[in-house]
PDB file of N, CA and C in Angstrom:
ATOM      1  N   MET A   1     -25.550  -2.484  -1.402  1.00  0.00           N
ATOM      2  CA  MET A   1     -23.951  -2.865  -0.948  1.00  0.00           C
ATOM      3  C   MET A   1     -23.005  -1.928  -1.027  1.00  0.00           C
ATOM      4  N   ARG A   2     -22.095  -1.905  -0.193  1.00  0.00           N
ATOM      5  CA  ARG A   2     -21.038  -0.480  -0.426  1.00  0.00           C
ATOM      6  C   ARG A   2     -20.014  -1.023  -0.946  1.00  0.00           C
ATOM      7  N   PRO A   3     -19.301  -0.215  -1.947  1.00  0.00           N
ATOM      8  CA  PRO A   3     -18.051  -0.736  -2.798  1.00  0.00           C
ATOM      9  C   PRO A   3     -16.951  -0.901  -1.729  1.00  0.00           C
ATOM     10  N   ARG A   4     -15.960  -1.929  -2.101  1.00  0.00           N
ATOM     11  CA  ARG A   4     -14.967  -2.257  -1.189  1.00  0.00           C
ATOM     12  C   ARG A   4     -13.778  -1.425  -1.539  1.00  0.00           C
ATOM     13  N   THR A   5     -13.376  -0.394  -0.601  1.00  0.00           N
ATOM     14  CA  THR A   5     -12.310   0.621  -1.012  1.00  0.00           C
ATOM     15  C   THR A   5     -11.468   0.484  -0.028  1.00  0.00           C
ATOM     16  N   GLY A   6     -10.331   0.928   0.139  1.00  0.00           N
ATOM     17  CA  GLY A   6      -9.130   1.044   1.004  1.00  0.00           C
ATOM     18  C   GLY A   6      -9.288   2.467   1.745  1.00  0.00           C
ATOM     19  N   ASP A   7     -10.451   3.628   1.021  1.00  0.00           N
ATOM     20  CA  ASP A   7     -10.302   4.885   1.482  1.00  0.00           C
ATOM     21  C   ASP A   7     -10.973   4.973   2.860  1.00  0.00           C
ATOM     22  N   GLY A   8     -10.590   5.921   3.618  1.00  0.00           N
ATOM     23  CA  GLY A   8     -10.972   5.933   4.889  1.00  0.00           C
ATOM     24  C   GLY A   8      -9.838   5.837   6.129  1.00  0.00           C
ATOM     25  N   PRO A   9     -10.399   6.405   7.051  1.00  0.00           N
ATOM     26  CA  PRO A   9      -9.395   6.143   8.288  1.00  0.00           C
ATOM     27  C   PRO A   9      -9.260   4.872   9.015  1.00  0.00           C
ATOM     28  N   LEU A  10      -8.343   4.713   9.708  1.00  0.00           N
ATOM     29  CA  LEU A  10      -7.879   3.642  10.522  1.00  0.00           C
ATOM     30  C   LEU A  10      -9.073   3.511  11.542  1.00  0.00           C
ATOM     31  N   GLU A  11      -9.732   2.445  11.612  1.00  0.00           N
ATOM     32  CA  GLU A  11     -10.697   2.429  12.783  1.00  0.00           C
ATOM     33  C   GLU A  11     -10.777   1.106  13.425  1.00  0.00           C
ATOM     34  N   ALA A  12     -11.308   1.265  14.672  1.00  0.00           N
ATOM     35  CA  ALA A  12     -11.333   0.181  15.481  1.00  0.00           C
ATOM     36  C   ALA A  12     -12.643   0.246  16.399  1.00  0.00           C
ATOM     37  N   VAL A  13     -13.441  -0.756  16.224  1.00  0.00           N
ATOM     38  CA  VAL A  13     -14.957  -0.774  16.911  1.00  0.00           C
ATOM     39  C   VAL A  13     -14.919  -1.832  17.642  1.00  0.00           C
ATOM     40  N   LYS A  14     -15.697  -2.051  18.624  1.00  0.00           N
ATOM     41  CA  LYS A  14     -16.178  -3.006  19.621  1.00  0.00           C
ATOM     42  C   LYS A  14     -17.455  -3.646  19.213  1.00  0.00           C
ATOM     43  N   GLU A  15     -16.900  -5.092  18.667  1.00  0.00           N
ATOM     44  CA  GLU A  15     -18.173  -6.012  18.079  1.00  0.00           C
ATOM     45  C   GLU A  15     -18.058  -7.107  18.947  1.00  0.00           C
ATOM     46  N   GLY A  16     -19.414  -7.240  19.754  1.00  0.00           N
ATOM     47  CA  GLY A  16     -19.526  -8.295  20.695  1.00  0.00           C
ATOM     48  C   GLY A  16     -18.628  -8.167  21.928  1.00  0.00           C
ATOM     49  N   GLN A  17     -17.778  -9.362  22.112  1.00  0.00           N
ATOM     50  CA  GLN A  17     -16.587  -9.191  23.117  1.00  0.00           C
ATOM     51  C   GLN A  17     -15.278  -8.715  22.347  1.00  0.00           C
ATOM     52  N   ASN A  18     -15.250  -8.544  21.242  1.00  0.00           N
ATOM     53  CA  ASN A  18     -13.831  -8.301  20.524  1.00  0.00           C
ATOM     54  C   ASN A  18     -13.885  -7.063  19.977  1.00  0.00           C
ATOM     55  N   ILE A  19     -12.327  -6.621  19.655  1.00  0.00           N
ATOM     56  CA  ILE A  19     -12.184  -5.608  18.757  1.00  0.00           C
ATOM     57  C   ILE A  19     -12.092  -5.618  17.435  1.00  0.00           C
ATOM     58  N   VAL A  20     -12.681  -5.243  16.476  1.00  0.00           N
ATOM     59  CA  VAL A  20     -12.181  -5.434  15.140  1.00  0.00           C
ATOM     60  C   VAL A  20     -11.589  -3.800  14.613  1.00  0.00           C
ATOM     61  N   MET A  21     -10.203  -4.280  14.216  1.00  0.00           N
ATOM     62  CA  MET A  21      -9.330  -2.879  13.724  1.00  0.00           C
ATOM     63  C   MET A  21      -9.437  -3.289  12.203  1.00  0.00           C
ATOM     64  N   ARG A  22      -9.873  -2.149  11.532  1.00  0.00           N
ATOM     65  CA  ARG A  22      -9.758  -2.104  10.050  1.00  0.00           C
ATOM     66  C   ARG A  22      -8.670  -0.880   9.478  1.00  0.00           C
ATOM     67  N   ILE A  23      -7.621  -1.380   9.008  1.00  0.00           N
ATOM     68  CA  ILE A  23      -6.450  -0.690   8.662  1.00  0.00           C
ATOM     69  C   ILE A  23      -6.286  -0.552   7.200  1.00  0.00           C
ATOM     70  N   PRO A  24      -6.564   0.843   6.543  1.00  0.00           N
ATOM     71  CA  PRO A  24      -6.319   1.111   4.947  1.00  0.00           C
ATOM     72  C   PRO A  24      -5.160   0.788   4.866  1.00  0.00           C
ATOM     73  N   LEU A  25      -5.019  -0.084   3.412  1.00  0.00           N
ATOM     74  CA  LEU A  25      -3.573  -0.501   2.836  1.00  0.00           C
ATOM     75  C   LEU A  25      -3.259   0.664   1.762  1.00  0.00           C
ATOM     76  N   GLU A  26      -1.962   0.613   1.554  1.00  0.00           N
ATOM     77  CA  GLU A  26      -1.440   1.355   0.546  1.00  0.00           C
ATOM     78  C   GLU A  26      -1.732   0.414  -0.984  1.00  0.00           C
ATOM     79  N   GLY A  27      -2.413   0.996  -2.107  1.00  0.00           N
ATOM     80  CA  GLY A  27      -2.662   0.394  -3.244  1.00  0.00           C
ATOM     81  C   GLY A  27      -4.220  -0.111  -3.021  1.00  0.00           C
ATOM     82  N   GLY A  28      -4.908   0.144  -2.110  1.00  0.00           N
ATOM     83  CA  GLY A  28      -6.583  -0.170  -1.604  1.00  0.00           C
ATOM     84  C   GLY A  28      -6.637  -1.324  -1.054  1.00  0.00           C
ATOM     85  N   GLY A  29      -7.783  -1.315  -0.722  1.00  0.00           N
ATOM     86  CA  GLY A  29      -8.036  -2.678   0.386  1.00  0.00           C
ATOM     87  C   GLY A  29      -7.861  -2.349   1.782  1.00  0.00           C
ATOM     88  N   ARG A  30      -8.106  -3.171   2.649  1.00  0.00           N
ATOM     89  CA  ARG A  30      -8.431  -3.017   4.054  1.00  0.00           C
ATOM     90  C   ARG A  30      -7.836  -4.205   4.797  1.00  0.00           C
ATOM     91  N   LEU A  31      -7.052  -4.167   5.711  1.00  0.00           N
ATOM     92  CA  LEU A  31      -6.659  -5.165   6.592  1.00  0.00           C
ATOM     93  C   LEU A  31      -7.529  -5.431   7.851  1.00  0.00           C
ATOM     94  N   VAL A  32      -8.085  -6.255   8.075  1.00  0.00           N
ATOM     95  CA  VAL A  32      -9.028  -6.299   9.113  1.00  0.00           C
ATOM     96  C   VAL A  32      -8.711  -7.334  10.087  1.00  0.00           C
ATOM     97  N   VAL A  33      -8.506  -7.108  10.986  1.00  0.00           N
ATOM     98  CA  VAL A  33      -8.072  -7.738  12.475  1.00  0.00           C
ATOM     99  C   VAL A  33      -9.054  -7.904  13.663  1.00  0.00           C
ATOM    100  N   GLU A  34      -8.952  -8.927  13.800  1.00  0.00           N
ATOM    101  CA  GLU A  34     -10.271  -9.133  15.120  1.00  0.00           C
ATOM    102  C   GLU A  34      -9.211  -9.435  16.386  1.00  0.00           C
ATOM    103  N   LEU A  35      -9.426  -8.735  17.166  1.00  0.00           N
ATOM    104  CA  LEU A  35      -8.445  -8.838  18.586  1.00  0.00           C
ATOM    105  C   LEU A  35      -9.368  -9.054  19.903  1.00  0.00           C
ATOM    106  N   THR A  36      -8.891  -9.786  20.798  1.00  0.00           N
ATOM    107  CA  THR A  36      -9.334  -9.619  22.161  1.00  0.00           C
ATOM    108  C   THR A  36      -8.981  -8.423  23.089  1.00  0.00           C
ATOM    109  N   PRO A  37      -9.704  -8.100  24.068  1.00  0.00           N
ATOM    110  CA  PRO A  37      -9.278  -6.680  24.660  1.00  0.00           C
ATOM    111  C   PRO A  37      -7.773  -6.997  25.268  1.00  0.00           C
ATOM    112  N   GLU A  38      -7.525  -8.081  25.864  1.00  0.00           N
ATOM    113  CA  GLU A  38      -6.054  -8.452  26.311  1.00  0.00           C
ATOM    114  C   GLU A  38      -5.035  -8.201  25.023  1.00  0.00           C
ATOM    115  N   GLU A  39      -5.445  -8.692  23.809  1.00  0.00           N
ATOM    116  CA  GLU A  39      -4.575  -8.601  22.449  1.00  0.00           C
ATOM    117  C   GLU A  39      -4.343  -7.068  22.221  1.00  0.00           C
ATOM    118  N   ALA A  40      -5.565  -6.580  22.228  1.00  0.00           N
ATOM    119  CA  ALA A  40      -5.510  -5.065  22.037  1.00  0.00           C
ATOM    120  C   ALA A  40      -4.498  -4.361  22.996  1.00  0.00           C
ATOM    121  N   SER A  41      -4.633  -4.723  24.455  1.00  0.00           N
ATOM    122  CA  SER A  41      -3.928  -4.030  24.942  1.00  0.00           C
ATOM    123  C   SER A  41      -2.438  -4.140  24.795  1.00  0.00           C
ATOM    124  N   ALA A  42      -2.075  -5.329  24.454  1.00  0.00           N
ATOM    125  CA  ALA A  42      -0.652  -5.897  24.546  1.00  0.00           C
ATOM    126  C   ALA A  42      -0.234  -4.985  22.947  1.00  0.00           C
ATOM    127  N   LEU A  43      -0.987  -4.830  21.828  1.00  0.00           N
ATOM    128  CA  LEU A  43      -0.796  -4.252  20.856  1.00  0.00           C
ATOM    129  C   LEU A  43      -0.439  -2.723  20.772  1.00  0.00           C
ATOM    130  N   ALA A  44      -1.041  -2.290  22.020  1.00  0.00           N
ATOM    131  CA  ALA A  44      -1.264  -0.720  22.311  1.00  0.00           C
ATOM    132  C   ALA A  44       0.380  -0.543  22.986  1.00  0.00           C
ATOM    133  N   ASP A  45       0.656  -1.287  24.044  1.00  0.00           N
ATOM    134  CA  ASP A  45       1.879  -1.347  24.772  1.00  0.00           C
ATOM    135  C   ASP A  45       3.061  -1.405  23.754  1.00  0.00           C
ATOM    136  N   ALA A  46       2.912  -2.394  22.924  1.00  0.00           N
ATOM    137  CA  ALA A  46       4.233  -2.705  21.907  1.00  0.00           C
ATOM    138  C   ALA A  46       4.111  -1.262  21.092  1.00  0.00           C
ATOM    139  N   LEU A  47       3.024  -0.817  20.677  1.00  0.00           N
ATOM    140  CA  LEU A  47       3.178   0.404  19.679  1.00  0.00           C
ATOM    141  C   LEU A  47       3.721   1.749  20.577  1.00  0.00           C
ATOM    142  N   ASN A  48       3.287   1.728  21.647  1.00  0.00           N
ATOM    143  CA  ASN A  48       3.969   2.950  22.532  1.00  0.00           C
ATOM    144  C   ASN A  48       5.197   2.737  22.972  1.00  0.00           C
ATOM    145  N   ALA A  49       5.656   1.374  23.340  1.00  0.00           N
ATOM    146  CA  ALA A  49       7.166   1.517  23.441  1.00  0.00           C
ATOM    147  C   ALA A  49       8.081   2.519  22.964  1.00  0.00           C
ATOM    148  N   PRO A  50       8.098   2.221  21.680  1.00  0.00           N
ATOM    149  CA  PRO A  50       9.248   2.855  20.846  1.00  0.00           C
ATOM    150  C   PRO A  50       9.095   4.238  20.836  1.00  0.00           C
ATOM    151  N   ALA A  51       7.798   4.934  21.076  1.00  0.00           N
ATOM    152  CA  ALA A  51       7.603   6.279  21.084  1.00  0.00           C
ATOM    153  C   ALA A  51       8.030   6.916  22.431  1.00  0.00           C
ATOM    154  N   GLU A  52       8.163   6.000  23.294  1.00  0.00           N
ATOM    155  CA  GLU A  52       8.561   6.513  25.002  1.00  0.00           C
ATOM    156  C   GLU A  52       9.814   6.262  25.171  1.00  0.00           C
ATOM    157  N   ALA A  53      10.425   5.334  24.114  1.00  0.00           N
ATOM    158  CA  ALA A  53      11.923   5.082  24.655  1.00  0.00           C
ATOM    159  C   ALA A  53      12.741   6.438  24.253  1.00  0.00           C
ATOM    160  N   GLU A  54      13.900   6.563  24.884  1.00  0.00           N
ATOM    161  CA  GLU A  54      14.629   7.784  24.600  1.00  0.00           C
ATOM    162  C   GLU A  54      15.639   7.386  23.482  1.00  0.00           C
ATOM    163  N   THR A  55      15.840   8.396  22.755  1.00  0.00           N
ATOM    164  CA  THR A  55      16.653   8.227  21.608  1.00  0.00           C
ATOM    165  C   THR A  55      18.167   8.732  22.063  1.00  0.00           C
ATOM    166  N   PRO A  56      19.334   8.206  21.368  1.00  0.00           N
ATOM    167  CA  PRO A  56      20.719   8.760  21.890  1.00  0.00           C
ATOM    168  C   PRO A  56      20.703  10.086  21.715  1.00  0.00           C
ATOM    169  N   ALA A  57      20.104  10.978  20.701  1.00  0.00           N
ATOM    170  CA  ALA A  57      20.302  12.296  20.560  1.00  0.00           C
ATOM    171  C   ALA A  57      19.677  12.994  21.769  1.00  0.00           C
ATOM    172  N   GLU A  58      18.807  12.484  22.289  1.00  0.00           N
ATOM    173  CA  GLU A  58      17.855  13.257  23.659  1.00  0.00           C
ATOM    174  C   GLU A  58      18.919  13.101  24.799  1.00  0.00           C
ATOM    175  N   THR A  59      19.782  11.981  24.774  1.00  0.00           N
ATOM    176  CA  THR A  59      20.524  11.876  26.075  1.00  0.00           C
ATOM    177  C   THR A  59      22.240  12.689  26.101  1.00  0.00           C
ATOM    178  N   GLU A  60      22.281  12.997  24.772  1.00  0.00           N
ATOM    179  CA  GLU A  60      23.493  13.579  24.607  1.00  0.00           C
ATOM    180  C   GLU A  60      23.685  14.865  25.196  1.00  0.00           C
ATOM    181  N   GLN A  61      24.681  15.548  25.717  1.00  0.00           N
ATOM    182  CA  GLN A  61      24.790  17.128  26.221  1.00  0.00           C
ATOM    183  C   GLN A  61      25.719  17.595  25.629  1.00  0.00           C
ATOM    184  N   PRO A  62      25.575  18.873  25.079  1.00  0.00           N
ATOM    185  CA  PRO A  62      26.417  19.544  24.350  1.00  0.00           C
ATOM    186  C   PRO A  62      27.876  20.066  25.283  1.00  0.00           C
TER     187      PRO A  62
END
């Protein structure tokens, strides 16, 4: 039996028809989330939106 630790990278694996995402937490342990492919796509879009948005500093001209 493996020890339960939070050490390790974020991982997402396909198990059956769903995607299981394991997120290491600060202080130990892992958050395990099971998503459908549609939910995973919506999550990816939500996480990418702030990264793609322009910030006011980028639009200012000297």
